């Protein structure tokens, strides 16, 4: 998945179109993300009595619900961009201290080509 926790994204479809927020959680199996301040729902909770201080109070809680990852785009600078990947050559170190040439994958902006 090209969107990660902590990324700032913009919603491009749905009832919250145009809203920007930070990714709180990534649900990889469902291909969904939870974005701060987007797709807010009200959840009704019961009072749970579990002896002592372990109980929770009841009421209506407002929380963010997941949205599909195809409905968000990564924000870079003052606009949005698609995300790509590039392999870079790096020097890696073995546990015994010797080094060898290897590659690592980095995320890049499709608009500018810079590393994200």
N, C-alpha and C. Protein backbone atom coordinates (compact mmCIF):
# COMPACT_ATOMS: atom_id res chain seq x y z
N UNK A 1 0.84 -1.18 0.00
CA UNK A 1 0.00 0.00 0.00
C UNK A 1 0.89 1.24 0.00
N UNK A 2 0.50 2.23 -0.77
CA UNK A 2 1.35 3.39 -0.96
C UNK A 2 1.16 4.49 0.09
N UNK A 3 0.08 4.41 0.85
CA UNK A 3 -0.18 5.38 1.92
C UNK A 3 0.24 4.76 3.24
N UNK A 4 0.93 5.54 4.07
CA UNK A 4 1.42 5.03 5.35
C UNK A 4 0.89 5.89 6.50
N UNK A 5 0.98 5.33 7.70
CA UNK A 5 0.58 6.05 8.90
C UNK A 5 1.44 7.30 9.05
N UNK A 6 0.80 8.43 9.35
CA UNK A 6 1.52 9.69 9.52
C UNK A 6 1.53 10.56 8.28
N UNK A 7 1.17 10.02 7.11
CA UNK A 7 1.11 10.81 5.88
C UNK A 7 -0.05 11.80 5.95
N UNK A 8 0.12 12.95 5.33
CA UNK A 8 -0.98 13.90 5.17
C UNK A 8 -1.63 13.62 3.83
N UNK A 9 -2.94 13.40 3.84
CA UNK A 9 -3.66 13.04 2.62
C UNK A 9 -4.84 13.99 2.41
N UNK A 10 -5.31 14.03 1.16
CA UNK A 10 -6.49 14.82 0.79
C UNK A 10 -7.53 13.87 0.25
N UNK A 11 -8.79 14.04 0.68
CA UNK A 11 -9.89 13.19 0.22
C UNK A 11 -10.32 13.70 -1.15
N UNK A 12 -10.37 12.78 -2.15
CA UNK A 12 -10.70 13.17 -3.52
C UNK A 12 -12.08 12.70 -3.95
N UNK A 13 -12.77 11.92 -3.10
CA UNK A 13 -14.11 11.45 -3.44
C UNK A 13 -14.90 11.20 -2.17
N UNK A 14 -16.22 11.31 -2.26
CA UNK A 14 -17.09 11.03 -1.13
C UNK A 14 -17.62 12.29 -0.48
N UNK A 15 -18.29 12.12 0.65
CA UNK A 15 -18.95 13.24 1.31
C UNK A 15 -17.98 14.24 1.91
N UNK A 16 -16.75 13.83 2.19
CA UNK A 16 -15.74 14.72 2.76
C UNK A 16 -14.72 15.17 1.71
N UNK A 17 -15.11 15.20 0.45
CA UNK A 17 -14.21 15.57 -0.64
C UNK A 17 -13.58 16.93 -0.38
N UNK A 18 -12.26 17.01 -0.54
CA UNK A 18 -11.53 18.25 -0.34
C UNK A 18 -10.91 18.38 1.04
N UNK A 19 -11.30 17.53 1.98
CA UNK A 19 -10.76 17.61 3.34
C UNK A 19 -9.36 17.01 3.39
N UNK A 20 -8.51 17.61 4.22
CA UNK A 20 -7.15 17.11 4.42
C UNK A 20 -7.00 16.67 5.85
N UNK A 21 -6.18 15.66 6.06
CA UNK A 21 -5.93 15.18 7.42
C UNK A 21 -4.78 14.21 7.45
N UNK A 22 -4.38 13.86 8.65
CA UNK A 22 -3.26 12.94 8.86
C UNK A 22 -3.80 11.52 8.99
N UNK A 23 -3.09 10.55 8.42
CA UNK A 23 -3.50 9.15 8.50
C UNK A 23 -3.20 8.65 9.91
N UNK A 24 -4.24 8.18 10.61
CA UNK A 24 -4.10 7.67 11.97
C UNK A 24 -3.79 6.18 11.96
N UNK A 25 -4.43 5.46 11.05
CA UNK A 25 -4.32 4.00 11.03
C UNK A 25 -4.47 3.51 9.60
N UNK A 26 -3.72 2.45 9.25
CA UNK A 26 -3.82 1.82 7.94
C UNK A 26 -4.31 0.39 8.15
N UNK A 27 -5.44 0.04 7.51
CA UNK A 27 -5.99 -1.30 7.57
C UNK A 27 -5.65 -2.00 6.26
N UNK A 28 -4.52 -2.70 6.25
CA UNK A 28 -3.96 -3.26 5.03
C UNK A 28 -4.85 -4.30 4.38
N UNK A 29 -5.44 -5.19 5.17
CA UNK A 29 -6.26 -6.28 4.62
C UNK A 29 -7.52 -5.74 3.92
N UNK A 30 -8.12 -4.70 4.49
CA UNK A 30 -9.35 -4.14 3.91
C UNK A 30 -9.06 -3.02 2.92
N UNK A 31 -7.80 -2.65 2.73
CA UNK A 31 -7.37 -1.55 1.87
C UNK A 31 -8.08 -0.25 2.25
N UNK A 32 -8.08 0.04 3.53
CA UNK A 32 -8.73 1.24 4.04
C UNK A 32 -7.79 2.01 4.96
N UNK A 33 -8.05 3.30 5.11
CA UNK A 33 -7.27 4.14 6.01
C UNK A 33 -8.22 4.95 6.90
N UNK A 34 -7.76 5.26 8.10
CA UNK A 34 -8.50 6.12 9.01
C UNK A 34 -7.79 7.46 9.01
N UNK A 35 -8.51 8.52 8.60
CA UNK A 35 -7.93 9.85 8.48
C UNK A 35 -8.52 10.76 9.55
N UNK A 36 -7.66 11.54 10.18
CA UNK A 36 -8.06 12.44 11.26
C UNK A 36 -9.06 13.48 10.77
N UNK A 37 -10.24 13.54 11.39
CA UNK A 37 -11.25 14.54 11.07
C UNK A 37 -12.09 14.23 9.84
N UNK A 38 -11.95 13.05 9.25
CA UNK A 38 -12.67 12.70 8.03
C UNK A 38 -13.56 11.49 8.30
N UNK A 39 -14.76 11.47 7.71
CA UNK A 39 -15.72 10.36 7.84
C UNK A 39 -16.07 10.09 9.30
N UNK A 40 -16.44 11.15 10.01
CA UNK A 40 -16.77 11.02 11.43
C UNK A 40 -18.16 10.42 11.60
N UNK A 41 -18.25 9.47 12.53
CA UNK A 41 -19.52 8.81 12.82
C UNK A 41 -19.80 8.91 14.31
N UNK A 42 -21.08 8.72 14.67
CA UNK A 42 -21.46 8.71 16.08
C UNK A 42 -21.74 7.27 16.48
N UNK A 43 -21.12 6.84 17.57
CA UNK A 43 -21.27 5.47 18.04
C UNK A 43 -21.90 5.51 19.43
N UNK A 44 -22.98 4.74 19.60
CA UNK A 44 -23.67 4.69 20.88
C UNK A 44 -23.07 3.56 21.72
N UNK A 45 -22.65 3.88 22.94
CA UNK A 45 -22.02 2.87 23.80
C UNK A 45 -22.83 2.68 25.07
N UNK A 46 -22.81 1.44 25.57
CA UNK A 46 -23.51 1.10 26.80
C UNK A 46 -22.59 1.33 27.99
N UNK A 47 -23.21 1.43 29.17
CA UNK A 47 -22.45 1.49 30.42
C UNK A 47 -22.04 0.06 30.77
N UNK A 48 -20.76 -0.16 31.01
CA UNK A 48 -20.26 -1.48 31.36
C UNK A 48 -19.78 -1.43 32.80
N UNK A 49 -20.40 -2.27 33.64
CA UNK A 49 -20.02 -2.33 35.06
C UNK A 49 -19.07 -3.50 35.27
N UNK A 50 -17.81 -3.22 35.51
CA UNK A 50 -16.83 -4.28 35.73
C UNK A 50 -16.10 -4.04 37.05
N UNK A 51 -16.74 -4.07 38.13
CA UNK A 51 -16.14 -3.92 39.45
C UNK A 51 -14.99 -2.93 39.53
N UNK A 52 -15.08 -1.99 40.40
CA UNK A 52 -14.01 -1.02 40.59
C UNK A 52 -14.00 0.04 39.50
N UNK A 53 -12.81 0.41 39.09
CA UNK A 53 -12.67 1.49 38.11
C UNK A 53 -12.65 0.98 36.67
N UNK A 54 -12.78 -0.31 36.47
CA UNK A 54 -12.71 -0.89 35.13
C UNK A 54 -13.91 -0.60 34.26
N UNK A 55 -14.98 0.00 34.80
CA UNK A 55 -16.18 0.26 34.02
C UNK A 55 -16.03 1.43 33.09
N UNK A 56 -16.84 1.45 32.04
CA UNK A 56 -16.83 2.57 31.11
C UNK A 56 -18.18 3.28 31.19
N UNK A 57 -18.15 4.55 30.92
CA UNK A 57 -19.40 5.31 30.94
C UNK A 57 -20.06 5.20 29.57
N UNK A 58 -21.36 5.27 29.56
CA UNK A 58 -22.10 5.17 28.32
C UNK A 58 -22.30 6.53 27.69
N UNK A 59 -22.83 6.52 26.49
CA UNK A 59 -23.10 7.78 25.81
C UNK A 59 -22.84 7.68 24.33
N UNK A 60 -22.77 8.83 23.70
CA UNK A 60 -22.53 8.90 22.26
C UNK A 60 -21.10 9.39 22.04
N UNK A 61 -20.32 8.59 21.31
CA UNK A 61 -18.93 8.91 21.04
C UNK A 61 -18.78 9.20 19.55
N UNK A 62 -18.13 10.31 19.22
CA UNK A 62 -17.86 10.63 17.82
C UNK A 62 -16.45 10.17 17.49
N UNK A 63 -16.31 9.38 16.42
CA UNK A 63 -15.02 8.82 16.04
C UNK A 63 -14.89 8.77 14.53
N UNK A 64 -13.68 8.57 14.04
CA UNK A 64 -13.44 8.46 12.60
C UNK A 64 -13.62 7.02 12.15
N UNK A 65 -14.27 6.86 11.00
CA UNK A 65 -14.45 5.53 10.40
C UNK A 65 -13.48 5.41 9.22
N UNK A 66 -13.11 4.18 8.86
CA UNK A 66 -12.18 4.00 7.74
C UNK A 66 -12.80 4.36 6.40
N UNK A 67 -11.96 4.86 5.47
CA UNK A 67 -12.38 5.10 4.10
C UNK A 67 -11.42 4.36 3.17
N UNK A 68 -11.87 4.06 1.97
CA UNK A 68 -11.05 3.29 1.03
C UNK A 68 -9.85 4.11 0.58
N UNK A 69 -8.73 3.44 0.42
CA UNK A 69 -7.48 4.11 0.08
C UNK A 69 -7.53 4.76 -1.30
N UNK A 70 -8.41 4.30 -2.19
CA UNK A 70 -8.52 4.89 -3.52
C UNK A 70 -9.18 6.27 -3.47
N UNK A 71 -9.78 6.63 -2.34
CA UNK A 71 -10.45 7.92 -2.22
C UNK A 71 -9.56 9.00 -1.61
N UNK A 72 -8.27 8.70 -1.42
CA UNK A 72 -7.34 9.69 -0.87
C UNK A 72 -6.10 9.78 -1.75
N UNK A 73 -5.45 10.97 -1.72
CA UNK A 73 -4.18 11.18 -2.41
C UNK A 73 -3.22 11.85 -1.45
N UNK A 74 -1.94 11.54 -1.61
CA UNK A 74 -0.89 12.08 -0.75
C UNK A 74 -0.68 13.56 -1.05
N UNK A 75 -0.56 14.37 0.01
CA UNK A 75 -0.30 15.80 -0.13
C UNK A 75 1.20 16.03 -0.10
N UNK A 76 1.70 16.76 -1.11
CA UNK A 76 3.11 17.12 -1.16
C UNK A 76 3.21 18.60 -1.50
N UNK A 77 3.83 19.36 -0.62
CA UNK A 77 3.92 20.81 -0.85
C UNK A 77 2.54 21.43 -0.74
N UNK A 78 2.08 22.08 -1.83
CA UNK A 78 0.76 22.70 -1.79
C UNK A 78 -0.25 21.99 -2.68
N UNK A 79 0.10 20.78 -3.19
CA UNK A 79 -0.82 20.02 -4.03
C UNK A 79 -0.75 18.54 -3.70
N UNK A 80 -1.44 17.77 -4.52
CA UNK A 80 -1.46 16.31 -4.32
C UNK A 80 -0.60 15.64 -5.38
N UNK A 81 -0.15 14.43 -5.08
CA UNK A 81 0.69 13.70 -6.01
C UNK A 81 0.43 12.21 -5.91
N UNK A 82 0.74 11.51 -6.98
CA UNK A 82 0.72 10.05 -6.94
C UNK A 82 2.03 9.56 -6.34
N UNK A 83 2.03 8.32 -5.89
CA UNK A 83 3.21 7.76 -5.24
C UNK A 83 3.79 6.67 -6.12
N UNK A 84 5.11 6.70 -6.28
CA UNK A 84 5.81 5.66 -7.01
C UNK A 84 6.94 5.12 -6.16
N UNK A 85 7.65 4.13 -6.68
CA UNK A 85 8.78 3.54 -5.96
C UNK A 85 9.99 3.50 -6.87
N UNK A 86 11.18 3.63 -6.28
CA UNK A 86 12.43 3.55 -7.01
C UNK A 86 13.42 2.76 -6.17
N UNK A 87 14.24 1.95 -6.84
CA UNK A 87 15.28 1.18 -6.15
C UNK A 87 16.56 2.00 -6.14
N UNK A 88 17.21 2.14 -4.96
CA UNK A 88 18.45 2.88 -4.83
C UNK A 88 19.55 1.96 -4.34
N UNK A 89 20.75 2.15 -4.86
CA UNK A 89 21.90 1.38 -4.41
C UNK A 89 22.40 1.94 -3.09
N UNK A 90 22.62 1.06 -2.12
CA UNK A 90 23.13 1.46 -0.81
C UNK A 90 24.20 0.48 -0.36
N UNK A 91 24.98 0.89 0.63
CA UNK A 91 25.99 0.03 1.22
C UNK A 91 25.41 -0.57 2.49
N UNK A 92 25.30 -1.89 2.55
CA UNK A 92 24.72 -2.56 3.71
C UNK A 92 25.82 -3.20 4.53
N UNK A 93 25.53 -3.42 5.82
CA UNK A 93 26.51 -3.97 6.75
C UNK A 93 26.04 -5.29 7.31
N UNK A 94 26.93 -6.28 7.31
CA UNK A 94 26.63 -7.59 7.89
C UNK A 94 26.90 -7.55 9.38
N UNK A 95 26.38 -8.54 10.13
CA UNK A 95 26.62 -8.57 11.59
C UNK A 95 28.11 -8.65 11.97
N UNK A 96 28.93 -9.24 11.10
CA UNK A 96 30.36 -9.34 11.42
C UNK A 96 31.13 -8.06 11.10
N UNK A 97 30.46 -7.03 10.55
CA UNK A 97 31.10 -5.75 10.29
C UNK A 97 31.46 -5.51 8.84
N UNK A 98 31.46 -6.56 8.01
CA UNK A 98 31.79 -6.36 6.60
C UNK A 98 30.61 -5.71 5.88
N UNK A 99 30.92 -5.05 4.76
CA UNK A 99 29.87 -4.36 4.00
C UNK A 99 29.72 -4.97 2.61
N UNK A 100 28.54 -4.73 2.02
CA UNK A 100 28.27 -5.20 0.66
C UNK A 100 27.28 -4.25 0.00
N UNK A 101 27.25 -4.26 -1.34
CA UNK A 101 26.34 -3.39 -2.08
C UNK A 101 24.97 -4.06 -2.16
N UNK A 102 23.94 -3.28 -1.87
CA UNK A 102 22.57 -3.77 -1.94
C UNK A 102 21.67 -2.67 -2.46
N UNK A 103 20.37 -2.96 -2.50
CA UNK A 103 19.41 -1.95 -2.94
C UNK A 103 18.30 -1.84 -1.91
N UNK A 104 17.67 -0.67 -1.88
CA UNK A 104 16.50 -0.47 -1.03
C UNK A 104 15.45 0.28 -1.83
N UNK A 105 14.21 0.07 -1.47
CA UNK A 105 13.10 0.69 -2.17
C UNK A 105 12.70 1.98 -1.44
N UNK A 106 12.55 3.07 -2.19
CA UNK A 106 12.14 4.35 -1.59
C UNK A 106 10.89 4.85 -2.30
N UNK A 107 10.03 5.54 -1.54
CA UNK A 107 8.84 6.14 -2.12
C UNK A 107 9.23 7.46 -2.78
N UNK A 108 8.68 7.72 -3.96
CA UNK A 108 8.95 8.97 -4.65
C UNK A 108 7.65 9.62 -5.08
N UNK A 109 7.72 10.93 -5.28
CA UNK A 109 6.59 11.68 -5.79
C UNK A 109 6.59 11.57 -7.31
N UNK A 110 5.46 11.20 -7.90
CA UNK A 110 5.37 11.10 -9.35
C UNK A 110 5.40 12.49 -10.00
N UNK A 111 5.02 13.52 -9.25
CA UNK A 111 4.98 14.88 -9.80
C UNK A 111 6.37 15.48 -9.90
N UNK A 112 7.18 15.34 -8.81
CA UNK A 112 8.49 15.98 -8.78
C UNK A 112 9.64 14.99 -8.92
N UNK A 113 9.41 13.71 -8.64
CA UNK A 113 10.48 12.71 -8.70
C UNK A 113 11.33 12.66 -7.44
N UNK A 114 11.01 13.50 -6.47
CA UNK A 114 11.79 13.54 -5.21
C UNK A 114 11.34 12.45 -4.26
N UNK A 115 12.25 12.09 -3.35
CA UNK A 115 11.93 11.07 -2.33
C UNK A 115 10.99 11.66 -1.30
N UNK A 116 10.02 10.86 -0.87
CA UNK A 116 9.03 11.30 0.13
C UNK A 116 9.52 10.89 1.50
